[in-house]
Amino acid sequence: MKRWQWIAISLLTVASLVVEFNIEHGDHWWSSIPAFYILFGFAGCTAIIFFSKTLGKLFLQREEDYYDVE
């Protein structure tokens, strides 16, 4: 990734933390956990990546000589 992309991601993360600590969310139990939505989003994206890599290896990936088998 380019440097400006890392800066943009960092600024968005800091802005999200500032908003989270300054705005009342709701009455859910997870609203009281600091940075819950950031951590939940990161865990969800990580799970999607590992799940899709596993599915790709199981169903899509073929051996190198797949078309050369005689």
Protein backbone atom coordinates (compact mmCIF):
# COMPACT_ATOMS: atom_id res chain seq x y z
CA MET A 1 0.00 0.00 0.00
CA LYS A 2 1.08 3.51 -0.62
CA ARG A 3 1.99 5.87 2.17
CA TRP A 4 -1.08 8.08 1.72
CA GLN A 5 -3.34 5.03 2.07
CA TRP A 6 -1.76 4.15 5.42
CA ILE A 7 -2.20 7.75 6.56
CA ALA A 8 -5.86 7.73 5.49
CA ILE A 9 -6.54 4.46 7.31
CA SER A 10 -4.82 5.76 10.44
CA LEU A 11 -6.81 8.99 10.38
CA LEU A 12 -10.08 7.12 9.91
CA THR A 13 -9.23 4.81 12.82
CA VAL A 14 -8.42 7.73 15.11
CA ALA A 15 -11.58 9.57 14.01
CA SER A 16 -13.64 6.45 14.72
CA LEU A 17 -12.17 6.18 18.22
CA VAL A 18 -12.86 9.87 18.92
CA VAL A 19 -16.46 9.55 17.78
CA GLU A 20 -16.94 6.34 19.73
CA PHE A 21 -15.85 7.88 23.01
CA ASN A 22 -17.87 11.09 22.51
CA ILE A 23 -21.22 9.79 21.26
CA GLU A 24 -23.71 7.75 23.28
CA HIS A 25 -24.46 4.58 21.33
CA GLY A 26 -27.23 2.62 22.91
CA ASP A 27 -28.26 0.29 25.65
CA HIS A 28 -26.53 -2.82 24.35
CA TRP A 29 -23.93 -4.54 26.50
CA TRP A 30 -21.27 -4.28 23.81
CA SER A 31 -21.58 -0.50 23.65
CA SER A 32 -19.65 -0.25 26.91
CA ILE A 33 -16.59 -2.07 25.49
CA PRO A 34 -13.97 0.43 24.25
CA ALA A 35 -13.20 0.16 20.50
CA PHE A 36 -15.67 -2.72 20.11
CA TYR A 37 -16.77 -1.79 16.61
CA ILE A 38 -13.20 -1.41 15.35
CA LEU A 39 -12.20 -4.78 16.81
CA PHE A 40 -15.40 -6.44 15.58
CA GLY A 41 -14.84 -5.14 12.05
CA PHE A 42 -11.21 -6.25 12.06
CA ALA A 43 -12.12 -9.72 13.34
CA GLY A 44 -14.90 -10.02 10.74
CA CYS A 45 -12.62 -9.04 7.86
CA THR A 46 -9.92 -11.42 9.07
CA ALA A 47 -12.45 -14.26 9.29
CA ILE A 48 -13.72 -13.55 5.77
CA ILE A 49 -10.16 -13.60 4.39
CA PHE A 50 -9.25 -16.91 6.03
CA PHE A 51 -12.61 -18.48 5.10
CA SER A 52 -12.28 -17.45 1.45
CA LYS A 53 -8.66 -18.66 1.26
CA THR A 54 -9.73 -22.03 2.67
CA LEU A 55 -12.60 -22.32 0.19
CA GLY A 56 -10.28 -21.34 -2.64
CA LYS A 57 -7.77 -24.02 -1.72
CA LEU A 58 -10.45 -26.68 -1.36
CA PHE A 59 -12.55 -25.99 -4.45
CA LEU A 60 -10.70 -23.74 -6.89
CA GLN A 61 -7.02 -24.55 -6.78
CA ARG A 62 -5.78 -27.26 -9.11
CA GLU A 63 -2.51 -29.13 -9.44
CA GLU A 64 0.14 -27.69 -11.78
CA ASP A 65 -0.30 -30.44 -14.36
CA TYR A 66 -4.10 -30.41 -14.28
CA TYR A 67 -4.46 -29.87 -18.04
CA ASP A 68 -1.47 -32.04 -18.99
CA VAL A 69 -2.82 -35.31 -17.58
CA GLU A 70 -3.02 -37.87 -20.36
